[in-house]
Amino acid sequence: MKQNAESSGTDVAGYVMEGPGLSAYALSDGTVYRTYVTTARGLEPAMAYYGLLDRTPIGRNEGEVLWVRRHDEYETP
């Protein structure tokens, strides 16, 4: 996570604080209610590329190293 934060130009606390989220709201009699909220791994259904990565030979290849890279940053075997 530290590498991700530094790559984004912030510290770990700022990186975690600014993470993506998904909320659903309902309006009833003029009052707005938040009916659902999710972050982090809960967002995977909304991110279609995870399903594609899960079907590749090395999957997401998650670990200590940042696994999402631009196409020209992968090491050649």
PDB file of N, CA and C in Angstrom:
ATOM      1  N   MET A   1       0.821  -1.184   0.000  1.00  0.00           N
ATOM      2  CA  MET A   1       0.000   0.000   0.000  1.00  0.00           C
ATOM      3  C   MET A   1       0.869   1.253   0.000  1.00  0.00           C
ATOM      4  N   LYS A   2       2.015   1.193   0.677  1.00  0.00           N
ATOM      5  CA  LYS A   2       2.910   2.344   0.697  1.00  0.00           C
ATOM      6  C   LYS A   2       3.348   2.723  -0.710  1.00  0.00           C
ATOM      7  N   GLN A   3       3.645   1.712  -1.532  1.00  0.00           N
ATOM      8  CA  GLN A   3       4.063   1.973  -2.913  1.00  0.00           C
ATOM      9  C   GLN A   3       2.928   2.627  -3.698  1.00  0.00           C
ATOM     10  N   ASN A   4       1.719   2.144  -3.504  1.00  0.00           N
ATOM     11  CA  ASN A   4       0.567   2.744  -4.183  1.00  0.00           C
ATOM     12  C   ASN A   4       0.400   4.203  -3.770  1.00  0.00           C
ATOM     13  N   ALA A   5       0.534   4.470  -2.470  1.00  0.00           N
ATOM     14  CA  ALA A   5       0.389   5.840  -1.965  1.00  0.00           C
ATOM     15  C   ALA A   5       1.447   6.754  -2.566  1.00  0.00           C
ATOM     16  N   GLU A   6       2.693   6.298  -2.554  1.00  0.00           N
ATOM     17  CA  GLU A   6       3.772   7.115  -3.105  1.00  0.00           C
ATOM     18  C   GLU A   6       3.580   7.345  -4.603  1.00  0.00           C
ATOM     19  N   SER A   7       3.126   6.328  -5.311  1.00  0.00           N
ATOM     20  CA  SER A   7       2.879   6.475  -6.749  1.00  0.00           C
ATOM     21  C   SER A   7       1.771   7.472  -7.026  1.00  0.00           C
ATOM     22  N   SER A   8       0.850   7.615  -6.053  1.00  0.00           N
ATOM     23  CA  SER A   8      -0.271   8.544  -6.204  1.00  0.00           C
ATOM     24  C   SER A   8       0.054   9.934  -5.694  1.00  0.00           C
ATOM     25  N   GLY A   9       1.258  10.105  -5.112  1.00  0.00           N
ATOM     26  CA  GLY A   9       1.660  11.416  -4.627  1.00  0.00           C
ATOM     27  C   GLY A   9       1.104  11.762  -3.260  1.00  0.00           C
ATOM     28  N   THR A  10       0.878  10.750  -2.411  1.00  0.00           N
ATOM     29  CA  THR A  10       0.351  11.007  -1.077  1.00  0.00           C
ATOM     30  C   THR A  10       0.978  10.026  -0.094  1.00  0.00           C
ATOM     31  N   ASP A  11       0.547  10.104   1.172  1.00  0.00           N
ATOM     32  CA  ASP A  11       0.994   9.135   2.167  1.00  0.00           C
ATOM     33  C   ASP A  11      -0.071   8.050   2.325  1.00  0.00           C
ATOM     34  N   VAL A  12       0.223   7.036   3.138  1.00  0.00           N
ATOM     35  CA  VAL A  12      -0.705   5.907   3.281  1.00  0.00           C
ATOM     36  C   VAL A  12      -2.051   6.363   3.834  1.00  0.00           C
ATOM     37  N   ALA A  13      -2.042   7.239   4.834  1.00  0.00           N
ATOM     38  CA  ALA A  13      -3.303   7.720   5.418  1.00  0.00           C
ATOM     39  C   ALA A  13      -4.159   8.428   4.370  1.00  0.00           C
ATOM     40  N   GLY A  14      -3.545   9.274   3.570  1.00  0.00           N
ATOM     41  CA  GLY A  14      -4.282   9.970   2.513  1.00  0.00           C
ATOM     42  C   GLY A  14      -4.773   9.028   1.445  1.00  0.00           C
ATOM     43  N   TYR A  15      -3.965   8.024   1.128  1.00  0.00           N
ATOM     44  CA  TYR A  15      -4.341   7.038   0.104  1.00  0.00           C
ATOM     45  C   TYR A  15      -5.562   6.238   0.535  1.00  0.00           C
ATOM     46  N   VAL A  16      -5.560   5.790   1.784  1.00  0.00           N
ATOM     47  CA  VAL A  16      -6.686   5.000   2.298  1.00  0.00           C
ATOM     48  C   VAL A  16      -7.941   5.857   2.418  1.00  0.00           C
ATOM     49  N   MET A  17      -7.780   7.097   2.868  1.00  0.00           N
ATOM     50  CA  MET A  17      -8.912   7.985   3.067  1.00  0.00           C
ATOM     51  C   MET A  17      -9.629   8.302   1.749  1.00  0.00           C
ATOM     52  N   GLU A  18      -8.890   8.362   0.654  1.00  0.00           N
ATOM     53  CA  GLU A  18      -9.466   8.750  -0.630  1.00  0.00           C
ATOM     54  C   GLU A  18      -9.867   7.554  -1.489  1.00  0.00           C
ATOM     55  N   GLY A  19     -10.039   6.390  -0.885  1.00  0.00           N
ATOM     56  CA  GLY A  19     -10.406   5.198  -1.643  1.00  0.00           C
ATOM     57  C   GLY A  19     -11.795   5.312  -2.251  1.00  0.00           C
ATOM     58  N   PRO A  20     -12.057   4.518  -3.282  1.00  0.00           N
ATOM     59  CA  PRO A  20     -13.365   4.551  -3.926  1.00  0.00           C
ATOM     60  C   PRO A  20     -14.431   3.923  -3.048  1.00  0.00           C
ATOM     61  N   GLY A  21     -15.650   4.286  -3.297  1.00  0.00           N
ATOM     62  CA  GLY A  21     -16.781   3.724  -2.572  1.00  0.00           C
ATOM     63  C   GLY A  21     -18.024   3.758  -3.444  1.00  0.00           C
ATOM     64  N   LEU A  22     -19.016   3.014  -3.042  1.00  0.00           N
ATOM     65  CA  LEU A  22     -20.286   2.966  -3.757  1.00  0.00           C
ATOM     66  C   LEU A  22     -21.403   3.087  -2.733  1.00  0.00           C
ATOM     67  N   SER A  23     -22.307   4.010  -2.949  1.00  0.00           N
ATOM     68  CA  SER A  23     -23.439   4.202  -2.047  1.00  0.00           C
ATOM     69  C   SER A  23     -24.730   4.202  -2.856  1.00  0.00           C
ATOM     70  N   ALA A  24     -25.792   3.724  -2.226  1.00  0.00           N
ATOM     71  CA  ALA A  24     -27.127   3.783  -2.823  1.00  0.00           C
ATOM     72  C   ALA A  24     -28.027   4.561  -1.869  1.00  0.00           C
ATOM     73  N   TYR A  25     -28.869   5.416  -2.435  1.00  0.00           N
ATOM     74  CA  TYR A  25     -29.730   6.268  -1.627  1.00  0.00           C
ATOM     75  C   TYR A  25     -31.188   6.068  -2.045  1.00  0.00           C
ATOM     76  N   ALA A  26     -32.087   6.317  -1.094  1.00  0.00           N
ATOM     77  CA  ALA A  26     -33.520   6.277  -1.370  1.00  0.00           C
ATOM     78  C   ALA A  26     -34.150   7.549  -0.819  1.00  0.00           C
ATOM     79  N   LEU A  27     -35.072   8.106  -1.566  1.00  0.00           N
ATOM     80  CA  LEU A  27     -35.799   9.298  -1.138  1.00  0.00           C
ATOM     81  C   LEU A  27     -37.207   8.870  -0.733  1.00  0.00           C
ATOM     82  N   SER A  28     -37.580   9.190   0.495  1.00  0.00           N
ATOM     83  CA  SER A  28     -38.911   8.837   0.991  1.00  0.00           C
ATOM     84  C   SER A  28     -39.477  10.009   1.776  1.00  0.00           C
ATOM     85  N   ASP A  29     -40.593  10.525   1.329  1.00  0.00           N
ATOM     86  CA  ASP A  29     -41.267  11.647   2.000  1.00  0.00           C
ATOM     87  C   ASP A  29     -40.325  12.814   2.277  1.00  0.00           C
ATOM     88  N   GLY A  30     -39.466  13.132   1.302  1.00  0.00           N
ATOM     89  CA  GLY A  30     -38.579  14.276   1.421  1.00  0.00           C
ATOM     90  C   GLY A  30     -37.302  14.026   2.210  1.00  0.00           C
ATOM     91  N   THR A  31     -37.134  12.831   2.720  1.00  0.00           N
ATOM     92  CA  THR A  31     -35.923  12.486   3.470  1.00  0.00           C
ATOM     93  C   THR A  31     -35.080  11.522   2.640  1.00  0.00           C
ATOM     94  N   VAL A  32     -33.777  11.782   2.589  1.00  0.00           N
ATOM     95  CA  VAL A  32     -32.860  10.917   1.845  1.00  0.00           C
ATOM     96  C   VAL A  32     -32.208   9.952   2.831  1.00  0.00           C
ATOM     97  N   TYR A  33     -32.263   8.667   2.495  1.00  0.00           N
ATOM     98  CA  TYR A  33     -31.650   7.629   3.316  1.00  0.00           C
ATOM     99  C   TYR A  33     -30.543   6.941   2.522  1.00  0.00           C
ATOM    100  N   ARG A  34     -29.420   6.722   3.165  1.00  0.00           N
ATOM    101  CA  ARG A  34     -28.385   5.917   2.531  1.00  0.00           C
ATOM    102  C   ARG A  34     -28.724   4.473   2.874  1.00  0.00           C
ATOM    103  N   THR A  35     -29.017   3.689   1.844  1.00  0.00           N
ATOM    104  CA  THR A  35     -29.491   2.326   2.054  1.00  0.00           C
ATOM    105  C   THR A  35     -28.402   1.280   1.896  1.00  0.00           C
ATOM    106  N   TYR A  36     -27.290   1.650   1.280  1.00  0.00           N
ATOM    107  CA  TYR A  36     -26.219   0.680   1.051  1.00  0.00           C
ATOM    108  C   TYR A  36     -24.913   1.431   0.846  1.00  0.00           C
ATOM    109  N   VAL A  37     -23.826   0.879   1.389  1.00  0.00           N
ATOM    110  CA  VAL A  37     -22.505   1.447   1.163  1.00  0.00           C
ATOM    111  C   VAL A  37     -21.482   0.318   1.167  1.00  0.00           C
ATOM    112  N   THR A  38     -20.511   0.408   0.265  1.00  0.00           N
ATOM    113  CA  THR A  38     -19.428  -0.565   0.238  1.00  0.00           C
ATOM    114  C   THR A  38     -18.164   0.115  -0.263  1.00  0.00           C
ATOM    115  N   THR A  39     -17.021  -0.435   0.131  1.00  0.00           N
ATOM    116  CA  THR A  39     -15.726   0.076  -0.303  1.00  0.00           C
ATOM    117  C   THR A  39     -14.799  -1.103  -0.568  1.00  0.00           C
ATOM    118  N   ALA A  40     -13.623  -0.814  -1.028  1.00  0.00           N
ATOM    119  CA  ALA A  40     -12.554  -1.803  -1.225  1.00  0.00           C
ATOM    120  C   ALA A  40     -13.045  -3.042  -1.969  1.00  0.00           C
ATOM    121  N   ARG A  41     -12.915  -4.215  -1.369  1.00  0.00           N
ATOM    122  CA  ARG A  41     -13.259  -5.473  -2.042  1.00  0.00           C
ATOM    123  C   ARG A  41     -14.746  -5.565  -2.391  1.00  0.00           C
ATOM    124  N   GLY A  42     -15.574  -4.826  -1.692  1.00  0.00           N
ATOM    125  CA  GLY A  42     -17.000  -4.831  -1.989  1.00  0.00           C
ATOM    126  C   GLY A  42     -17.340  -4.209  -3.327  1.00  0.00           C
ATOM    127  N   LEU A  43     -16.378  -3.514  -3.925  1.00  0.00           N
ATOM    128  CA  LEU A  43     -16.600  -2.877  -5.225  1.00  0.00           C
ATOM    129  C   LEU A  43     -16.297  -3.809  -6.395  1.00  0.00           C
ATOM    130  N   GLU A  44     -15.752  -4.982  -6.134  1.00  0.00           N
ATOM    131  CA  GLU A  44     -15.330  -5.866  -7.218  1.00  0.00           C
ATOM    132  C   GLU A  44     -16.431  -6.169  -8.234  1.00  0.00           C
ATOM    133  N   PRO A  45     -17.681  -6.369  -7.836  1.00  0.00           N
ATOM    134  CA  PRO A  45     -18.712  -6.626  -8.856  1.00  0.00           C
ATOM    135  C   PRO A  45     -18.879  -5.476  -9.853  1.00  0.00           C
ATOM    136  N   ALA A  46     -18.536  -4.260  -9.439  1.00  0.00           N
ATOM    137  CA  ALA A  46     -18.657  -3.105 -10.325  1.00  0.00           C
ATOM    138  C   ALA A  46     -17.427  -2.925 -11.212  1.00  0.00           C
ATOM    139  N   MET A  47     -16.377  -3.694 -10.954  1.00  0.00           N
ATOM    140  CA  MET A  47     -15.126  -3.579 -11.704  1.00  0.00           C
ATOM    141  C   MET A  47     -14.953  -4.818 -12.578  1.00  0.00           C
ATOM    142  N   ALA A  48     -15.414  -4.755 -13.789  1.00  0.00           N
ATOM    143  CA  ALA A  48     -15.446  -5.917 -14.671  1.00  0.00           C
ATOM    144  C   ALA A  48     -14.070  -6.528 -14.928  1.00  0.00           C
ATOM    145  N   TYR A  49     -13.019  -5.742 -14.880  1.00  0.00           N
ATOM    146  CA  TYR A  49     -11.693  -6.276 -15.193  1.00  0.00           C
ATOM    147  C   TYR A  49     -11.211  -7.292 -14.160  1.00  0.00           C
ATOM    148  N   TYR A  50     -11.716  -7.274 -12.928  1.00  0.00           N
ATOM    149  CA  TYR A  50     -11.307  -8.277 -11.946  1.00  0.00           C
ATOM    150  C   TYR A  50     -11.689  -9.678 -12.417  1.00  0.00           C
ATOM    151  N   GLY A  51     -12.888  -9.826 -12.926  1.00  0.00           N
ATOM    152  CA  GLY A  51     -13.324 -11.124 -13.422  1.00  0.00           C
ATOM    153  C   GLY A  51     -12.461 -11.632 -14.559  1.00  0.00           C
ATOM    154  N   LEU A  52     -12.018 -10.721 -15.405  1.00  0.00           N
ATOM    155  CA  LEU A  52     -11.125 -11.111 -16.501  1.00  0.00           C
ATOM    156  C   LEU A  52      -9.760 -11.527 -15.965  1.00  0.00           C
ATOM    157  N   LEU A  53      -9.220 -10.767 -15.031  1.00  0.00           N
ATOM    158  CA  LEU A  53      -7.927 -11.117 -14.451  1.00  0.00           C
ATOM    159  C   LEU A  53      -7.978 -12.463 -13.731  1.00  0.00           C
ATOM    160  N   ASP A  54      -9.093 -12.763 -13.084  1.00  0.00           N
ATOM    161  CA  ASP A  54      -9.221 -14.031 -12.368  1.00  0.00           C
ATOM    162  C   ASP A  54      -9.151 -15.233 -13.298  1.00  0.00           C
ATOM    163  N   ARG A  55      -9.371 -15.025 -14.562  1.00  0.00           N
ATOM    164  CA  ARG A  55      -9.354 -16.125 -15.532  1.00  0.00           C
ATOM    165  C   ARG A  55      -8.020 -16.258 -16.275  1.00  0.00           C
ATOM    166  N   THR A  56      -7.058 -15.427 -15.945  1.00  0.00           N
ATOM    167  CA  THR A  56      -5.750 -15.500 -16.583  1.00  0.00           C
ATOM    168  C   THR A  56      -4.848 -16.448 -15.799  1.00  0.00           C
ATOM    169  N   PRO A  57      -3.761 -16.933 -16.418  1.00  0.00           N
ATOM    170  CA  PRO A  57      -2.912 -17.930 -15.751  1.00  0.00           C
ATOM    171  C   PRO A  57      -2.386 -17.517 -14.376  1.00  0.00           C
ATOM    172  N   ILE A  58      -2.003 -16.257 -14.181  1.00  0.00           N
ATOM    173  CA  ILE A  58      -1.492 -15.859 -12.865  1.00  0.00           C
ATOM    174  C   ILE A  58      -2.506 -15.036 -12.069  1.00  0.00           C
ATOM    175  N   GLY A  59      -3.718 -14.947 -12.558  1.00  0.00           N
ATOM    176  CA  GLY A  59      -4.761 -14.221 -11.834  1.00  0.00           C
ATOM    177  C   GLY A  59      -4.389 -12.777 -11.602  1.00  0.00           C
ATOM    178  N   ARG A  60      -4.744 -12.295 -10.444  1.00  0.00           N
ATOM    179  CA  ARG A  60      -4.441 -10.904 -10.109  1.00  0.00           C
ATOM    180  C   ARG A  60      -2.997 -10.744  -9.666  1.00  0.00           C
ATOM    181  N   ASN A  61      -2.363 -11.822  -9.283  1.00  0.00           N
ATOM    182  CA  ASN A  61      -0.960 -11.797  -8.866  1.00  0.00           C
ATOM    183  C   ASN A  61      -0.746 -10.764  -7.764  1.00  0.00           C
ATOM    184  N   GLU A  62      -1.680 -10.733  -6.798  1.00  0.00           N
ATOM    185  CA  GLU A  62      -1.592  -9.761  -5.726  1.00  0.00           C
ATOM    186  C   GLU A  62      -0.512 -10.153  -4.731  1.00  0.00           C
ATOM    187  N   GLY A  63       0.071  -9.192  -4.126  1.00  0.00           N
ATOM    188  CA  GLY A  63       1.107  -9.397  -3.126  1.00  0.00           C
ATOM    189  C   GLY A  63       1.586  -8.048  -2.645  1.00  0.00           C
ATOM    190  N   GLU A  64       2.826  -7.998  -2.225  1.00  0.00           N
ATOM    191  CA  GLU A  64       3.395  -6.743  -1.737  1.00  0.00           C
ATOM    192  C   GLU A  64       3.644  -5.745  -2.863  1.00  0.00           C
ATOM    193  N   VAL A  65       3.799  -6.234  -4.071  1.00  0.00           N
ATOM    194  CA  VAL A  65       4.122  -5.374  -5.209  1.00  0.00           C
ATOM    195  C   VAL A  65       2.828  -4.921  -5.872  1.00  0.00           C
ATOM    196  N   LEU A  66       2.798  -3.679  -6.300  1.00  0.00           N
ATOM    197  CA  LEU A  66       1.644  -3.150  -7.016  1.00  0.00           C
ATOM    198  C   LEU A  66       1.385  -3.995  -8.249  1.00  0.00           C
ATOM    199  N   TRP A  67       0.218  -4.616  -8.349  1.00  0.00           N
ATOM    200  CA  TRP A  67      -0.042  -5.570  -9.431  1.00  0.00           C
ATOM    201  C   TRP A  67      -0.703  -4.932 -10.641  1.00  0.00           C
ATOM    202  N   VAL A  68      -1.257  -3.744 -10.506  1.00  0.00           N
ATOM    203  CA  VAL A  68      -1.837  -3.071 -11.662  1.00  0.00           C
ATOM    204  C   VAL A  68      -0.776  -2.140 -12.226  1.00  0.00           C
ATOM    205  N   ARG A  69      -0.389  -2.393 -13.458  1.00  0.00           N
ATOM    206  CA  ARG A  69       0.647  -1.581 -14.099  1.00  0.00           C
ATOM    207  C   ARG A  69       0.186  -1.203 -15.498  1.00  0.00           C
ATOM    208  N   ARG A  70       0.813  -0.183 -16.033  1.00  0.00           N
ATOM    209  CA  ARG A  70       0.543   0.158 -17.427  1.00  0.00           C
ATOM    210  C   ARG A  70       1.197  -0.890 -18.315  1.00  0.00           C
ATOM    211  N   HIS A  71       0.726  -1.018 -19.526  1.00  0.00           N
ATOM    212  CA  HIS A  71       1.153  -2.105 -20.413  1.00  0.00           C
ATOM    213  C   HIS A  71       2.659  -2.169 -20.626  1.00  0.00           C
ATOM    214  N   ASP A  72       3.350  -1.067 -20.545  1.00  0.00           N
ATOM    215  CA  ASP A  72       4.780  -1.079 -20.831  1.00  0.00           C
ATOM    216  C   ASP A  72       5.646  -1.214 -19.580  1.00  0.00           C
ATOM    217  N   GLU A  73       5.033  -1.484 -18.412  1.00  0.00           N
ATOM    218  CA  GLU A  73       5.796  -1.620 -17.191  1.00  0.00           C
ATOM    219  C   GLU A  73       6.004  -3.063 -16.747  1.00  0.00           C
ATOM    220  N   TYR A  74       5.490  -4.031 -17.472  1.00  0.00           N
ATOM    221  CA  TYR A  74       5.658  -5.427 -17.089  1.00  0.00           C
ATOM    222  C   TYR A  74       7.039  -5.911 -17.442  1.00  0.00           C
ATOM    223  N   GLU A  75       7.595  -6.743 -16.560  1.00  0.00           N
ATOM    224  CA  GLU A  75       8.902  -7.315 -16.829  1.00  0.00           C
ATOM    225  C   GLU A  75       8.760  -8.451 -17.842  1.00  0.00           C
ATOM    226  N   THR A  76       9.726  -8.591 -18.702  1.00  0.00           N
ATOM    227  CA  THR A  76       9.704  -9.701 -19.648  1.00  0.00           C
ATOM    228  C   THR A  76      10.429 -10.874 -19.014  1.00  0.00           C
ATOM    229  N   PRO A  77       9.904 -12.087 -19.210  1.00  0.00           N
ATOM    230  CA  PRO A  77      10.525 -13.263 -18.570  1.00  0.00           C
ATOM    231  C   PRO A  77      11.900 -13.573 -19.122  1.00  0.00           C
TER     232      PRO A  77
END
